[in-house]
Amino acid sequence: MEPARGGTGGLVLPDSGRGGRRPPRSGSGGPAITGEQGALVSAGDAAADSEVQADPETLRRARQIAAQLAVPRPRRDASARRGVGELASVRYQGGSDDIDLDQTVEQLVEHPVPEEDDIIVRERVRTRRSVVLLVDVSGSMRGERIRTAAATVGALAAELDRDDLAVVAFWSDAAILSHLGQHVPAQRLLDEMLRIPAKGLTNIAFPLDVAATELARIPARDARVVLLSDCVHNAGPDPRPLAARLPRLDVLLDVSGEQDEELARDLARLGHGRLRRIRAYTDVAPALGAVFAS
């Protein structure tokens, strides 16, 4: 065993030329490919102190990110649920008599002898996304980085209150703070996030596997995973094959300190997503807006 390069005080097993393990690259904290398997623990077991609450600075950051955050709504499709949600112009299917005259006239210009579905009506339609937010709380993400991460959780949870959002905090293990289909208030998520101390090594492969399991529970047309991390992977197997299994993986790379941009770039490419760099909490809102716009 040798000291981890991430400054966490942990140890990693160096490459011995056997077993498929690779040591961290010179000058970086990862990736170190090891046989270590992550474990899923409860948020309560991961928390350091049940009385810890969000500090004023983190709350201020969360409010500022939320005020600047404008996540585009998902595209409408035939799988959207009718009867609830926002008003939308849709083809008549026998469920509404509120005709959208302007769009119906446009249809009739093209089809003088209309079919039933050429009539456009106004109905309430709910389109929902399934989003899994993976937040790195390992030892390399302590201090200002963990404040930014917690503020991101609070702001994004408030913005996606009409969608299915799961939040997973991870280090060498992981804790699910909310499941898809389970509405947890943004303030509670922020509080629970801050109760978990920044600790341990960074196993990125395990939370990607947890995210795949979450998305399999509630299939959705618009499903994605957002990873917030420095990507200094120094425990567990290579995360790249797991990234390729996801419908989409976007990476918010914290570059305020040590980071592994090469791995972050690989994960975003294999996950058919985008890589955005975060230097400070003020970068979070535009970065999230960019990844959800594509």
Protein backbone atom coordinates (compact mmCIF):
# COMPACT_ATOMS: atom_id res chain seq x y z
CA MET A 1 0.00 0.00 0.00
CA GLU A 2 1.10 3.58 -0.63
CA PRO A 3 -0.34 7.00 0.26
CA ALA A 4 -3.12 8.19 -2.07
CA ARG A 5 -2.23 11.23 -4.16
CA GLY A 6 -5.55 12.92 -3.51
CA GLY A 7 -4.45 14.28 -0.14
CA THR A 8 -7.12 12.30 1.70
CA GLY A 9 -4.82 10.38 4.01
CA GLY A 10 -5.97 7.10 2.49
CA LEU A 11 -3.95 4.29 0.94
CA VAL A 12 -4.11 2.65 -2.47
CA LEU A 13 -2.68 -0.58 -3.78
CA PRO A 14 0.02 0.19 -6.39
CA ASP A 15 0.38 -1.71 -9.64
CA SER A 16 2.33 -4.93 -9.27
CA GLY A 17 2.14 -5.86 -12.95
CA ARG A 18 -0.62 -8.42 -12.23
CA GLY A 19 -4.36 -8.34 -11.71
CA GLY A 20 -5.11 -5.53 -14.15
CA ARG A 21 -4.56 -2.71 -11.64
CA ARG A 22 -3.05 0.60 -12.75
CA PRO A 23 -1.36 3.12 -10.46
CA PRO A 24 -2.30 6.80 -10.49
CA ARG A 25 -0.64 8.76 -13.27
CA SER A 26 2.24 11.00 -12.25
CA GLY A 27 0.99 14.35 -11.01
CA SER A 28 -2.64 13.33 -10.60
CA GLY A 29 -4.85 11.62 -8.08
CA GLY A 30 -6.12 8.96 -10.44
CA PRO A 31 -7.32 6.91 -11.94
CA ALA A 32 -6.22 4.06 -9.70
CA ILE A 33 -8.01 0.90 -10.82
CA THR A 34 -8.46 -1.42 -7.83
CA GLY A 35 -10.61 -4.37 -6.92
CA GLU A 36 -12.35 -2.46 -4.13
CA GLN A 37 -16.14 -2.74 -4.22
CA GLY A 38 -18.33 0.11 -2.99
CA ALA A 39 -21.14 -0.37 -0.50
CA LEU A 40 -24.52 1.34 -0.35
CA VAL A 41 -25.11 2.80 3.12
CA SER A 42 -28.02 4.72 4.56
CA ALA A 43 -27.85 8.50 4.71
CA GLY A 44 -28.20 8.26 8.50
CA ASP A 45 -25.19 5.98 8.81
CA ALA A 46 -23.13 8.28 6.59
CA ALA A 47 -24.03 11.42 8.55
CA ALA A 48 -21.60 12.74 11.14
CA ASP A 49 -24.08 14.63 13.31
CA SER A 50 -27.86 14.61 12.99
CA GLU A 51 -28.04 18.14 14.41
CA VAL A 52 -25.83 19.75 11.76
CA GLN A 53 -27.72 22.25 9.60
CA ALA A 54 -26.75 24.16 6.47
CA ASP A 55 -24.47 27.08 7.29
CA PRO A 56 -25.51 30.58 6.13
CA GLU A 57 -22.88 30.75 3.38
CA THR A 58 -24.07 27.51 1.79
CA LEU A 59 -27.68 28.67 1.95
CA ARG A 60 -26.69 31.95 0.31
CA ARG A 61 -24.91 30.08 -2.47
CA ALA A 62 -27.89 27.78 -3.01
CA ARG A 63 -30.25 30.75 -3.30
CA GLN A 64 -27.91 32.54 -5.72
CA ILE A 65 -27.51 29.45 -7.92
CA ALA A 66 -31.28 28.88 -7.87
CA ALA A 67 -31.96 32.52 -8.86
CA GLN A 68 -29.71 32.18 -11.92
CA LEU A 69 -30.74 28.64 -12.86
CA ALA A 70 -32.96 28.23 -15.91
CA VAL A 71 -33.20 24.57 -16.88
CA PRO A 72 -35.14 24.13 -20.15
CA ARG A 73 -38.24 21.98 -19.98
CA PRO A 74 -37.99 18.54 -21.62
CA ARG A 75 -39.26 18.05 -25.16
CA ARG A 76 -42.84 16.83 -25.39
CA ASP A 77 -43.44 13.35 -26.75
CA ALA A 78 -46.21 10.81 -27.16
CA SER A 79 -45.40 9.18 -23.82
CA ALA A 80 -46.29 12.34 -21.85
CA ARG A 81 -49.15 11.92 -19.38
CA ARG A 82 -52.36 13.80 -20.18
CA GLY A 83 -54.78 15.28 -17.70
CA VAL A 84 -52.28 17.02 -15.41
CA GLY A 85 -49.44 19.48 -15.81
CA GLU A 86 -49.03 22.42 -18.18
CA LEU A 87 -51.43 23.42 -20.97
CA ALA A 88 -50.21 22.31 -24.38
CA SER A 89 -51.54 22.12 -27.93
CA VAL A 90 -51.90 18.46 -28.91
CA ARG A 91 -53.75 16.40 -31.51
CA TYR A 92 -57.31 15.49 -30.61
CA GLN A 93 -57.68 12.04 -29.06
CA GLY A 94 -61.20 12.26 -27.74
CA GLY A 95 -60.26 13.76 -24.40
CA SER A 96 -60.82 17.50 -24.81
CA ASP A 97 -63.22 19.96 -26.45
CA ASP A 98 -60.99 23.04 -25.97
CA ILE A 99 -59.98 23.61 -29.62
CA ASP A 100 -56.82 25.56 -30.41
CA LEU A 101 -58.27 27.54 -33.34
CA ASP A 102 -55.03 29.01 -34.68
CA GLN A 103 -53.20 25.69 -34.98
CA THR A 104 -56.30 23.86 -36.18
CA VAL A 105 -56.74 26.37 -39.03
CA GLU A 106 -53.10 25.82 -40.01
CA GLN A 107 -53.77 22.09 -40.17
CA LEU A 108 -56.90 22.61 -42.29
CA VAL A 109 -54.97 24.70 -44.81
CA GLU A 110 -52.76 21.68 -45.46
CA HIS A 111 -55.58 19.13 -45.19
CA PRO A 112 -58.88 20.57 -46.56
CA VAL A 113 -60.60 17.25 -45.80
CA PRO A 114 -59.46 16.80 -42.20
CA GLU A 115 -59.06 13.62 -40.26
CA GLU A 116 -59.93 13.53 -36.59
CA ASP A 117 -56.32 14.04 -35.48
CA ASP A 118 -56.01 17.19 -37.61
CA ILE A 119 -58.01 18.95 -34.90
CA ILE A 120 -55.67 20.56 -32.36
CA VAL A 121 -56.93 20.94 -28.82
CA ARG A 122 -55.58 22.37 -25.58
CA GLU A 123 -54.89 19.79 -22.88
CA ARG A 124 -52.85 19.62 -19.75
CA VAL A 125 -49.79 17.48 -20.37
CA ARG A 126 -47.13 16.40 -17.92
CA THR A 127 -43.66 15.70 -19.27
CA ARG A 128 -41.20 14.46 -16.70
CA ARG A 129 -37.50 13.81 -16.72
CA SER A 130 -35.63 11.24 -14.69
CA VAL A 131 -32.41 12.83 -13.40
CA VAL A 132 -29.85 11.20 -11.10
CA LEU A 133 -27.44 13.67 -9.49
CA LEU A 134 -24.18 12.09 -8.26
CA VAL A 135 -22.29 14.30 -5.81
CA ASP A 136 -18.70 13.60 -4.75
CA VAL A 137 -18.20 13.97 -0.98
CA SER A 138 -14.83 12.22 -0.81
CA GLY A 139 -11.90 13.65 1.10
CA SER A 140 -10.63 15.66 -1.88
CA MET A 141 -13.94 17.57 -2.02
CA ARG A 142 -13.78 19.13 1.44
CA GLY A 143 -13.99 22.83 2.32
CA GLU A 144 -15.25 25.23 -0.34
CA ARG A 145 -15.83 22.38 -2.76
CA ILE A 146 -18.35 20.64 -0.50
CA ARG A 147 -20.18 23.92 0.07
CA THR A 148 -20.51 24.38 -3.68
CA ALA A 149 -21.66 20.77 -4.08
CA ALA A 150 -24.32 21.11 -1.37
CA ALA A 151 -25.56 24.41 -2.81
CA THR A 152 -25.84 22.72 -6.22
CA VAL A 153 -27.99 19.95 -4.73
CA GLY A 154 -30.35 22.46 -3.10
CA ALA A 155 -30.68 24.64 -6.20
CA LEU A 156 -31.18 21.79 -8.68
CA ALA A 157 -33.71 20.04 -6.44
CA ALA A 158 -35.79 23.23 -6.30
CA GLU A 159 -35.54 23.73 -10.08
CA LEU A 160 -36.54 20.12 -10.90
CA ASP A 161 -39.47 19.92 -8.48
CA ARG A 162 -41.76 18.80 -11.33
CA ASP A 163 -39.39 16.03 -12.42
CA ASP A 164 -38.13 12.78 -10.92
CA LEU A 165 -34.83 13.53 -9.17
CA ALA A 166 -32.55 11.11 -7.33
CA VAL A 167 -29.54 12.37 -5.36
CA VAL A 168 -26.60 10.10 -4.51
CA ALA A 169 -23.65 11.23 -2.36
CA PHE A 170 -20.53 9.12 -2.84
CA TRP A 171 -16.98 8.60 -1.68
CA SER A 172 -15.52 5.07 -1.63
CA ASP A 173 -19.10 4.05 -0.78
CA ALA A 174 -22.38 5.83 -1.52
CA ALA A 175 -25.61 6.94 0.16
CA ILE A 176 -28.90 7.61 -1.64
CA LEU A 177 -30.42 10.84 -0.32
CA SER A 178 -33.51 10.56 -2.52
CA HIS A 179 -34.85 7.97 -4.95
CA LEU A 180 -36.53 8.61 -8.29
CA GLY A 181 -40.23 9.13 -7.72
CA GLN A 182 -39.67 10.20 -4.11
CA HIS A 183 -40.15 13.94 -3.64
CA VAL A 184 -37.76 15.28 -0.99
CA PRO A 185 -37.78 19.07 -0.31
CA ALA A 186 -34.69 20.92 -1.47
CA GLN A 187 -33.91 22.19 2.04
CA ARG A 188 -33.96 18.67 3.47
CA LEU A 189 -31.64 17.39 0.73
CA LEU A 190 -29.23 20.24 1.39
CA ASP A 191 -29.25 19.54 5.13
CA GLU A 192 -28.66 15.81 4.63
CA MET A 193 -25.86 16.50 2.20
CA LEU A 194 -24.02 18.70 4.70
CA ARG A 195 -24.37 16.11 7.45
CA ILE A 196 -22.09 13.76 5.48
CA PRO A 197 -18.46 14.62 6.19
CA ALA A 198 -16.02 14.80 3.27
CA LYS A 199 -14.07 11.59 3.74
CA GLY A 200 -12.30 8.66 2.15
CA LEU A 201 -11.19 7.83 -1.37
CA THR A 202 -13.14 8.40 -4.58
CA ASN A 203 -14.89 5.48 -6.26
CA ILE A 204 -16.69 6.88 -9.34
CA ALA A 205 -17.62 3.46 -10.74
CA PHE A 206 -19.91 2.56 -7.86
CA PRO A 207 -22.27 5.58 -8.02
CA LEU A 208 -22.53 5.16 -11.82
CA ASP A 209 -23.75 1.62 -11.17
CA VAL A 210 -26.20 2.92 -8.55
CA ALA A 211 -27.50 5.47 -11.07
CA ALA A 212 -28.08 2.77 -13.70
CA THR A 213 -30.12 0.80 -11.16
CA GLU A 214 -32.18 3.89 -10.26
CA LEU A 215 -32.96 4.68 -13.90
CA ALA A 216 -34.01 1.07 -14.54
CA ARG A 217 -36.70 1.44 -11.84
CA ILE A 218 -38.52 4.32 -13.61
CA PRO A 219 -37.85 4.23 -17.36
CA ALA A 220 -38.18 7.61 -19.07
CA ARG A 221 -37.58 9.01 -22.55
CA ASP A 222 -35.58 11.92 -21.07
CA ALA A 223 -33.24 10.25 -18.57
CA ARG A 224 -29.78 11.40 -17.59
CA VAL A 225 -27.11 11.34 -14.93
CA VAL A 226 -25.23 14.45 -13.77
CA LEU A 227 -21.88 13.84 -12.05
CA LEU A 228 -20.35 16.58 -9.87
CA SER A 229 -16.80 15.61 -8.94
CA ASP A 230 -13.10 16.34 -9.33
CA CYS A 231 -12.93 12.89 -11.01
CA VAL A 232 -9.86 11.91 -8.99
CA HIS A 233 -10.80 8.22 -9.12
CA ASN A 234 -8.55 6.27 -6.76
CA ALA A 235 -10.66 3.32 -5.61
CA GLY A 236 -12.72 0.69 -7.39
CA PRO A 237 -12.85 -0.53 -10.99
CA ASP A 238 -12.55 1.55 -14.14
CA PRO A 239 -15.72 3.71 -14.37
CA ARG A 240 -15.60 4.09 -18.17
CA PRO A 241 -17.55 0.91 -19.06
CA LEU A 242 -20.29 1.92 -16.60
CA ALA A 243 -20.52 5.40 -18.15
CA ALA A 244 -21.17 3.80 -21.53
CA ARG A 245 -24.20 1.92 -20.11
CA LEU A 246 -26.04 5.09 -19.12
CA PRO A 247 -28.55 6.83 -21.42
CA ARG A 248 -26.66 10.09 -20.89
CA LEU A 249 -23.94 11.26 -18.52
CA ASP A 250 -23.03 14.92 -18.09
CA VAL A 251 -19.98 15.82 -15.99
CA LEU A 252 -19.54 18.96 -13.90
CA LEU A 253 -15.81 18.88 -13.20
CA ASP A 254 -14.64 20.83 -10.15
CA VAL A 255 -11.35 22.40 -11.27
CA SER A 256 -10.80 24.60 -8.19
CA GLY A 257 -8.11 22.16 -7.02
CA GLU A 258 -6.73 18.80 -8.05
CA GLN A 259 -8.74 17.12 -10.80
CA ASP A 260 -8.50 14.49 -13.52
CA GLU A 261 -9.82 16.17 -16.67
CA GLU A 262 -8.82 13.28 -18.91
CA LEU A 263 -11.09 10.86 -17.04
CA ALA A 264 -13.89 13.46 -16.89
CA ARG A 265 -13.66 13.95 -20.65
CA ASP A 266 -13.76 10.17 -21.25
CA LEU A 267 -16.82 9.75 -19.02
CA ALA A 268 -18.76 12.52 -20.77
CA ARG A 269 -17.83 11.18 -24.22
CA LEU A 270 -18.77 7.59 -23.41
CA GLY A 271 -21.96 8.77 -21.73
CA HIS A 272 -22.98 10.86 -24.77
CA GLY A 273 -23.06 13.96 -22.59
CA ARG A 274 -21.16 17.19 -22.04
CA LEU A 275 -18.27 18.24 -19.83
CA ARG A 276 -18.48 21.59 -18.04
CA ARG A 277 -15.81 22.97 -15.70
CA ILE A 278 -16.69 24.47 -12.32
CA ARG A 279 -14.18 26.85 -10.72
CA ALA A 280 -16.60 28.45 -8.24
CA TYR A 281 -20.24 28.16 -7.28
CA THR A 282 -21.06 31.02 -9.68
CA ASP A 283 -20.21 28.66 -12.57
CA VAL A 284 -22.84 26.10 -11.54
CA ALA A 285 -26.00 27.75 -12.95
CA PRO A 286 -24.64 28.38 -16.47
CA ALA A 287 -23.07 24.91 -16.54
CA LEU A 288 -26.34 23.19 -15.63
CA GLY A 289 -28.25 25.35 -18.09
CA ALA A 290 -25.86 24.28 -20.84
CA VAL A 291 -26.05 20.55 -20.18
CA PHE A 292 -29.85 20.50 -19.92
CA ALA A 293 -30.21 22.59 -23.09
CA SER A 294 -28.70 19.82 -25.21
